[in-house]
N, C-alpha and C. Protein backbone atom coordinates (compact mmCIF):
# COMPACT_ATOMS: atom_id res chain seq x y z
N MET A 1 -19.80 -12.02 18.50
CA MET A 1 -19.86 -10.66 18.36
C MET A 1 -19.36 -10.29 16.87
N ILE A 2 -18.39 -10.98 16.30
CA ILE A 2 -17.89 -10.67 15.00
C ILE A 2 -18.98 -10.81 14.03
N LEU A 3 -19.86 -11.70 14.17
CA LEU A 3 -21.00 -11.93 13.11
C LEU A 3 -22.03 -10.74 13.14
N ASP A 4 -22.09 -10.01 14.24
CA ASP A 4 -23.04 -8.82 14.36
C ASP A 4 -22.35 -7.53 13.61
N SER A 5 -21.34 -7.63 13.04
CA SER A 5 -20.43 -6.35 12.79
C SER A 5 -20.87 -6.10 11.32
N THR A 6 -20.66 -4.77 10.92
CA THR A 6 -20.88 -4.11 9.56
C THR A 6 -19.56 -3.51 9.06
N LEU A 7 -18.97 -4.10 8.02
CA LEU A 7 -17.76 -3.37 7.43
C LEU A 7 -18.11 -1.94 7.25
N ILE A 8 -17.26 -1.06 7.63
CA ILE A 8 -17.37 0.33 7.20
C ILE A 8 -16.25 0.94 6.47
N ASP A 9 -14.95 0.32 6.63
CA ASP A 9 -13.72 0.85 5.87
C ASP A 9 -12.77 -0.26 5.94
N ARG A 10 -11.80 -0.09 5.00
CA ARG A 10 -10.67 -0.93 4.94
C ARG A 10 -9.54 -0.39 4.06
N VAL A 11 -8.35 -0.93 4.39
CA VAL A 11 -7.09 -0.63 3.64
C VAL A 11 -6.26 -1.77 3.46
N ILE A 12 -5.67 -1.87 2.30
CA ILE A 12 -4.59 -2.94 2.19
C ILE A 12 -3.34 -2.32 1.89
N ILE A 13 -2.35 -2.66 2.59
CA ILE A 13 -0.98 -2.11 2.41
C ILE A 13 0.17 -3.15 2.09
N SER A 14 1.17 -2.75 1.51
CA SER A 14 2.26 -3.73 1.35
C SER A 14 3.09 -3.78 2.60
N SER A 15 3.93 -4.79 2.87
CA SER A 15 4.64 -4.85 4.05
C SER A 15 5.73 -4.08 4.21
N GLU A 16 5.68 -2.86 4.28
CA GLU A 16 6.60 -1.83 4.49
C GLU A 16 6.17 -0.84 5.68
N LEU A 17 7.03 -0.59 6.65
CA LEU A 17 6.69 0.22 7.76
C LEU A 17 6.24 1.65 7.40
N LYS A 18 6.82 2.07 6.23
CA LYS A 18 6.27 3.50 5.76
C LYS A 18 4.85 3.62 5.53
N ASN A 19 4.17 2.33 5.24
CA ASN A 19 2.67 2.30 4.97
C ASN A 19 1.78 2.39 6.30
N LEU A 20 2.50 2.47 7.50
CA LEU A 20 1.73 2.75 8.65
C LEU A 20 1.01 4.06 8.59
N ALA A 21 1.50 4.97 7.74
CA ALA A 21 0.79 6.27 7.75
C ALA A 21 -0.65 6.13 6.98
N GLN A 22 -0.72 5.11 6.11
CA GLN A 22 -2.05 4.78 5.44
C GLN A 22 -2.99 4.32 6.59
N VAL A 23 -2.50 3.49 7.46
CA VAL A 23 -3.36 2.87 8.62
C VAL A 23 -3.69 4.09 9.50
N GLU A 24 -2.75 4.84 9.81
CA GLU A 24 -3.13 6.00 10.73
C GLU A 24 -4.22 6.87 10.10
N SER A 25 -4.13 7.20 8.83
CA SER A 25 -5.11 8.00 8.17
C SER A 25 -6.50 7.29 8.32
N LEU A 26 -6.53 6.02 7.93
CA LEU A 26 -7.80 5.22 8.15
C LEU A 26 -8.32 5.41 9.54
N ILE A 27 -7.53 5.20 10.46
CA ILE A 27 -8.03 5.30 11.90
C ILE A 27 -8.54 6.82 12.15
N ASP A 28 -7.77 7.74 11.75
CA ASP A 28 -8.20 9.21 11.90
C ASP A 28 -9.53 9.40 11.40
N LYS A 29 -9.71 8.85 10.05
CA LYS A 29 -11.06 9.21 9.30
C LYS A 29 -12.09 8.41 10.00
N VAL A 30 -11.95 7.17 10.49
CA VAL A 30 -13.09 6.48 11.13
C VAL A 30 -13.38 7.04 12.49
N CYS A 31 -12.36 7.39 13.28
CA CYS A 31 -12.62 7.99 14.66
C CYS A 31 -13.19 9.38 14.53
N GLU A 32 -12.86 10.10 13.62
CA GLU A 32 -13.58 11.41 13.32
C GLU A 32 -14.96 11.16 13.11
N SER A 33 -15.37 10.28 12.09
CA SER A 33 -16.68 10.06 11.68
C SER A 33 -17.48 9.57 12.78
N LYS A 34 -16.97 8.98 13.64
CA LYS A 34 -17.68 8.18 14.78
C LYS A 34 -17.59 8.89 16.14
N ASN A 35 -17.02 10.23 16.06
CA ASN A 35 -16.87 11.11 17.21
C ASN A 35 -16.24 10.24 18.41
N VAL A 36 -15.12 9.52 18.17
CA VAL A 36 -14.55 8.72 19.20
C VAL A 36 -13.71 9.72 20.02
N SER A 37 -13.92 9.41 21.43
CA SER A 37 -13.19 10.29 22.37
C SER A 37 -11.71 10.12 22.10
N GLU A 38 -10.87 11.18 22.72
CA GLU A 38 -9.55 11.27 22.49
C GLU A 38 -8.88 10.02 23.28
N ASP A 39 -9.35 9.67 24.52
CA ASP A 39 -8.82 8.53 25.18
C ASP A 39 -8.87 7.28 24.35
N ILE A 40 -10.12 6.93 23.82
CA ILE A 40 -10.19 5.72 22.96
C ILE A 40 -9.47 6.04 21.76
N TYR A 41 -9.43 7.00 21.08
CA TYR A 41 -8.71 7.19 19.78
C TYR A 41 -7.25 6.86 20.06
N GLY A 42 -6.61 7.24 21.17
CA GLY A 42 -5.28 7.03 21.55
C GLY A 42 -5.04 5.49 21.65
N ASN A 43 -5.95 4.90 22.33
CA ASN A 43 -5.88 3.27 22.59
C ASN A 43 -5.99 2.62 21.18
N ILE A 44 -6.96 3.04 20.38
CA ILE A 44 -7.12 2.50 18.94
C ILE A 44 -5.82 2.73 18.16
N LEU A 45 -5.21 3.85 18.11
CA LEU A 45 -4.11 4.17 17.33
C LEU A 45 -2.90 3.30 17.81
N MET A 46 -2.59 3.21 19.04
CA MET A 46 -1.59 2.51 19.56
C MET A 46 -1.67 1.04 19.28
N SER A 47 -2.93 0.56 19.63
CA SER A 47 -3.06 -0.93 19.36
C SER A 47 -3.01 -1.35 17.96
N CYS A 48 -3.66 -0.53 17.16
CA CYS A 48 -3.78 -1.03 15.61
C CYS A 48 -2.37 -0.79 15.07
N THR A 49 -1.70 0.26 15.19
CA THR A 49 -0.33 0.48 14.72
C THR A 49 0.67 -0.68 15.21
N GLU A 50 0.47 -1.12 16.42
CA GLU A 50 1.26 -2.13 17.04
C GLU A 50 0.91 -3.37 16.20
N ALA A 51 -0.26 -3.72 16.11
CA ALA A 51 -0.70 -4.94 15.40
C ALA A 51 -0.34 -4.94 13.90
N VAL A 52 -0.46 -3.78 13.37
CA VAL A 52 0.01 -3.79 11.88
C VAL A 52 1.57 -3.88 11.71
N SER A 53 2.30 -3.26 12.74
CA SER A 53 3.72 -3.41 12.80
C SER A 53 4.13 -4.96 12.85
N ASN A 54 3.49 -5.54 13.87
CA ASN A 54 3.67 -6.98 14.09
C ASN A 54 3.54 -7.80 12.67
N ALA A 55 2.32 -7.46 12.19
CA ALA A 55 2.00 -8.13 10.73
C ALA A 55 3.06 -7.92 9.73
N ILE A 56 3.49 -6.84 9.77
CA ILE A 56 4.64 -6.45 8.71
C ILE A 56 5.94 -7.14 9.03
N ILE A 57 6.38 -7.05 10.32
CA ILE A 57 7.57 -7.47 10.78
C ILE A 57 7.62 -9.04 10.95
N HIS A 58 6.63 -9.51 11.76
CA HIS A 58 6.71 -10.90 12.22
C HIS A 58 5.96 -11.83 11.22
N GLY A 59 4.80 -11.30 10.88
CA GLY A 59 3.82 -12.00 10.04
C GLY A 59 4.39 -12.12 8.50
N ASN A 60 4.45 -11.15 7.97
CA ASN A 60 4.98 -11.11 6.55
C ASN A 60 6.50 -10.90 6.30
N CYS A 61 7.28 -10.86 7.41
CA CYS A 61 8.65 -10.81 7.43
C CYS A 61 9.23 -9.72 6.41
N PHE A 62 8.60 -8.62 6.45
CA PHE A 62 9.01 -7.55 5.44
C PHE A 62 8.94 -7.70 4.03
N LYS A 63 8.25 -8.80 3.65
CA LYS A 63 8.16 -9.28 2.16
C LYS A 63 7.10 -8.22 1.69
N ASN A 64 7.62 -7.16 0.98
CA ASN A 64 6.63 -6.12 0.34
C ASN A 64 5.76 -6.67 -0.75
N ASP A 65 5.91 -7.97 -1.16
CA ASP A 65 4.98 -8.49 -2.17
C ASP A 65 3.73 -9.21 -1.31
N LEU A 66 3.97 -9.21 -0.05
CA LEU A 66 2.86 -9.65 0.91
C LEU A 66 1.98 -8.47 1.46
N ASN A 67 0.75 -8.47 1.52
CA ASN A 67 -0.01 -7.48 1.99
C ASN A 67 -0.49 -7.61 3.51
N VAL A 68 -0.97 -6.52 4.19
CA VAL A 68 -1.48 -6.42 5.44
C VAL A 68 -2.80 -5.79 5.09
N GLU A 69 -3.99 -6.51 5.59
CA GLU A 69 -5.13 -5.76 5.42
C GLU A 69 -5.93 -5.28 6.61
N VAL A 70 -6.27 -4.09 6.76
CA VAL A 70 -6.93 -3.55 8.02
C VAL A 70 -8.44 -3.43 7.60
N LEU A 71 -9.35 -3.97 8.40
CA LEU A 71 -10.75 -3.86 8.11
C LEU A 71 -11.32 -3.21 9.46
N VAL A 72 -12.19 -2.19 9.21
CA VAL A 72 -12.85 -1.66 10.36
C VAL A 72 -14.36 -1.94 10.21
N SER A 73 -14.86 -2.54 11.39
CA SER A 73 -16.24 -2.92 11.45
C SER A 73 -16.90 -2.23 12.67
N GLU A 74 -18.18 -1.98 12.36
CA GLU A 74 -19.11 -1.21 13.43
C GLU A 74 -19.92 -2.31 14.07
N LEU A 75 -19.99 -2.31 15.32
CA LEU A 75 -20.70 -3.29 16.11
C LEU A 75 -21.67 -2.42 16.94
N PRO A 76 -22.60 -2.99 17.57
CA PRO A 76 -23.49 -2.15 18.56
C PRO A 76 -22.52 -1.66 19.52
N ASN A 77 -22.35 -0.24 19.65
CA ASN A 77 -21.67 0.39 20.70
C ASN A 77 -20.05 0.24 20.67
N SER A 78 -19.65 -0.31 19.52
CA SER A 78 -18.20 -0.45 19.57
C SER A 78 -17.64 -0.45 18.00
N LEU A 79 -16.32 -0.39 18.00
CA LEU A 79 -15.60 -0.63 16.60
C LEU A 79 -14.66 -1.72 16.80
N MET A 80 -14.56 -2.47 15.74
CA MET A 80 -13.66 -3.63 15.70
C MET A 80 -12.63 -3.32 14.57
N PHE A 81 -11.30 -3.48 14.84
CA PHE A 81 -10.32 -3.40 13.87
C PHE A 81 -9.70 -4.68 13.63
N THR A 82 -9.88 -5.32 12.41
CA THR A 82 -9.29 -6.54 12.06
C THR A 82 -7.97 -6.51 11.20
N ILE A 83 -6.81 -7.04 11.66
CA ILE A 83 -5.61 -6.96 10.98
C ILE A 83 -5.28 -8.33 10.44
N VAL A 84 -5.20 -8.45 9.22
CA VAL A 84 -4.70 -9.70 8.53
C VAL A 84 -3.46 -9.81 7.80
N ASP A 85 -2.58 -10.60 8.13
CA ASP A 85 -1.27 -10.65 7.42
C ASP A 85 -1.41 -11.98 6.52
N GLN A 86 -0.45 -12.27 5.73
CA GLN A 86 -0.28 -13.40 4.92
C GLN A 86 0.82 -14.31 5.26
N GLY A 87 1.24 -14.15 6.51
CA GLY A 87 2.27 -15.05 7.15
C GLY A 87 1.53 -16.36 7.57
N VAL A 88 2.41 -17.21 8.11
CA VAL A 88 1.87 -18.56 8.58
C VAL A 88 1.27 -18.52 10.08
N GLY A 89 1.25 -17.35 10.70
CA GLY A 89 0.73 -17.37 11.99
C GLY A 89 1.83 -17.46 13.14
N PHE A 90 1.35 -17.60 14.24
CA PHE A 90 2.28 -17.79 15.45
C PHE A 90 1.41 -18.38 16.59
N ASP A 91 2.31 -19.12 17.48
CA ASP A 91 1.58 -19.73 18.66
C ASP A 91 1.16 -18.66 19.63
N PHE A 92 -0.03 -18.09 19.65
CA PHE A 92 -0.38 -16.96 20.63
C PHE A 92 -0.87 -17.49 21.90
N HIS A 93 -0.86 -18.85 21.94
CA HIS A 93 -1.30 -19.44 23.28
C HIS A 93 -0.15 -19.64 24.31
N ASN A 94 1.06 -19.32 23.77
CA ASN A 94 2.27 -19.73 24.70
C ASN A 94 3.29 -18.53 24.68
N LEU A 95 2.70 -17.29 24.80
CA LEU A 95 3.54 -16.21 24.69
C LEU A 95 4.19 -15.99 26.00
N PRO A 96 5.39 -15.61 26.12
CA PRO A 96 6.11 -15.28 27.39
C PRO A 96 5.49 -13.94 28.04
N ASP A 97 5.33 -13.97 29.24
CA ASP A 97 4.88 -12.90 30.15
C ASP A 97 5.83 -11.79 30.17
N PRO A 98 5.60 -10.58 29.37
CA PRO A 98 6.52 -9.58 29.34
C PRO A 98 6.68 -8.91 30.64
N THR A 99 5.98 -9.21 31.70
CA THR A 99 6.20 -8.44 32.91
C THR A 99 6.99 -9.39 33.92
N ALA A 100 7.37 -10.55 33.51
CA ALA A 100 8.12 -11.52 34.26
C ALA A 100 9.56 -10.88 34.50
N PRO A 101 10.17 -11.08 35.51
CA PRO A 101 11.49 -10.52 35.75
C PRO A 101 12.55 -10.78 34.57
N GLU A 102 12.49 -12.10 34.13
CA GLU A 102 13.54 -12.39 33.13
C GLU A 102 13.26 -11.79 31.67
N ASN A 103 11.97 -11.14 31.52
CA ASN A 103 11.63 -10.49 30.21
C ASN A 103 11.47 -9.13 30.31
N VAL A 104 11.66 -8.46 31.56
CA VAL A 104 11.37 -7.07 31.63
C VAL A 104 12.50 -6.18 30.84
N GLU A 105 13.51 -6.69 30.82
CA GLU A 105 14.76 -5.98 30.10
C GLU A 105 14.73 -6.12 28.59
N LYS A 106 13.91 -7.10 28.12
CA LYS A 106 13.92 -7.45 26.70
C LYS A 106 13.34 -6.30 25.81
N GLU A 107 13.81 -6.13 24.67
CA GLU A 107 13.28 -5.08 23.86
C GLU A 107 12.15 -5.37 23.06
N ASN A 108 11.83 -6.62 22.92
CA ASN A 108 10.58 -7.13 22.14
C ASN A 108 9.74 -7.90 23.08
N GLY A 109 8.56 -8.29 22.49
CA GLY A 109 7.66 -9.18 23.22
C GLY A 109 6.65 -8.56 23.88
N ARG A 110 6.29 -7.28 23.69
CA ARG A 110 5.24 -6.65 24.50
C ARG A 110 4.03 -6.26 23.73
N GLY A 111 4.11 -6.40 22.41
CA GLY A 111 3.06 -6.06 21.57
C GLY A 111 1.61 -6.59 21.91
N ILE A 112 1.45 -7.85 21.93
CA ILE A 112 0.22 -8.42 22.22
C ILE A 112 -0.24 -8.08 23.53
N PHE A 113 0.70 -8.05 24.57
CA PHE A 113 0.34 -7.66 25.87
C PHE A 113 -0.16 -6.21 25.97
N LEU A 114 0.46 -5.34 25.26
CA LEU A 114 -0.02 -3.93 25.12
C LEU A 114 -1.42 -3.84 24.53
N ILE A 115 -1.50 -4.45 23.47
CA ILE A 115 -2.80 -4.48 22.60
C ILE A 115 -3.97 -4.97 23.55
N LYS A 116 -3.77 -6.11 24.29
CA LYS A 116 -4.71 -6.76 25.17
C LYS A 116 -5.15 -5.69 26.23
N ASN A 117 -4.23 -4.95 26.68
CA ASN A 117 -4.49 -4.03 27.89
C ASN A 117 -5.06 -2.80 27.37
N LEU A 118 -5.02 -2.35 26.05
CA LEU A 118 -5.67 -1.06 25.64
C LEU A 118 -6.88 -1.31 25.05
N CYS A 119 -7.32 -2.47 24.67
CA CYS A 119 -8.76 -2.66 23.95
C CYS A 119 -9.71 -3.34 24.94
N ASP A 120 -10.84 -3.40 24.51
CA ASP A 120 -11.96 -4.08 25.34
C ASP A 120 -12.03 -5.49 25.16
N GLU A 121 -11.61 -5.94 23.87
CA GLU A 121 -11.75 -7.30 23.53
C GLU A 121 -10.67 -7.56 22.50
N MET A 122 -9.85 -8.58 22.59
CA MET A 122 -8.94 -9.05 21.54
C MET A 122 -9.19 -10.55 21.28
N VAL A 123 -9.18 -10.74 19.92
CA VAL A 123 -9.35 -12.29 19.59
C VAL A 123 -8.32 -12.50 18.47
N ILE A 124 -7.59 -13.70 18.63
CA ILE A 124 -6.71 -13.95 17.55
C ILE A 124 -7.19 -15.23 17.03
N ASP A 125 -7.34 -15.25 15.56
CA ASP A 125 -7.84 -16.50 14.87
C ASP A 125 -6.74 -17.44 14.65
N GLU A 126 -6.96 -18.76 14.78
CA GLU A 126 -5.84 -19.72 14.27
C GLU A 126 -5.71 -19.46 12.72
N PRO A 127 -4.47 -19.51 12.30
CA PRO A 127 -3.31 -19.95 13.06
C PRO A 127 -2.41 -18.89 13.68
N GLY A 128 -3.12 -17.62 13.84
CA GLY A 128 -2.43 -16.48 14.28
C GLY A 128 -2.07 -15.41 13.31
N ASN A 129 -2.63 -15.41 12.32
CA ASN A 129 -2.33 -14.32 11.42
C ASN A 129 -3.59 -13.31 11.28
N ILE A 130 -4.52 -13.50 11.91
CA ILE A 130 -5.68 -12.52 11.98
C ILE A 130 -6.00 -12.14 13.54
N ILE A 131 -6.00 -10.84 13.82
CA ILE A 131 -6.29 -10.25 15.05
C ILE A 131 -7.48 -9.47 14.93
N HIS A 132 -8.49 -9.51 15.87
CA HIS A 132 -9.63 -8.70 15.92
C HIS A 132 -9.50 -7.93 17.20
N ILE A 133 -9.47 -6.52 17.22
CA ILE A 133 -9.37 -5.62 18.38
C ILE A 133 -10.62 -4.67 18.50
N THR A 134 -11.34 -4.94 19.53
CA THR A 134 -12.54 -4.32 19.69
C THR A 134 -12.43 -3.20 20.80
N PHE A 135 -12.98 -2.07 20.55
CA PHE A 135 -13.09 -0.92 21.45
C PHE A 135 -14.56 -0.65 21.66
N ASN A 136 -15.03 -0.48 22.83
CA ASN A 136 -16.32 0.09 23.18
C ASN A 136 -16.26 1.59 23.17
N LEU A 137 -17.40 2.10 22.62
CA LEU A 137 -17.58 3.56 22.41
C LEU A 137 -18.39 4.15 23.51
């Protein structure tokens, strides 16, 4: 499915949480231009800001000399947001279940679970520093 996509916009930010505003502006612009419904817009905003936050915090470890790139691609009847950090990646095959009783009270560990449940398709590339999040329109 990724091969059938057309890049329509992108932004590159340094690894500082204050730069999430630039990502939100990109999402606003793209969703407005594609007449995305409010429900889907909310899912896109939540998923992408979570993925970018993860990239800044966990991927690039707040190193502001490292960048996070957000690419927006159009596919037939959907939009795909790709978030790329410059970190070493993570083992996304063995994530703890945030709904398990021993994890419910933990403050962290729900990001990927949240993204997966808000989007229509999520693909993480090896070694874990690129995530593709797709939303059907």
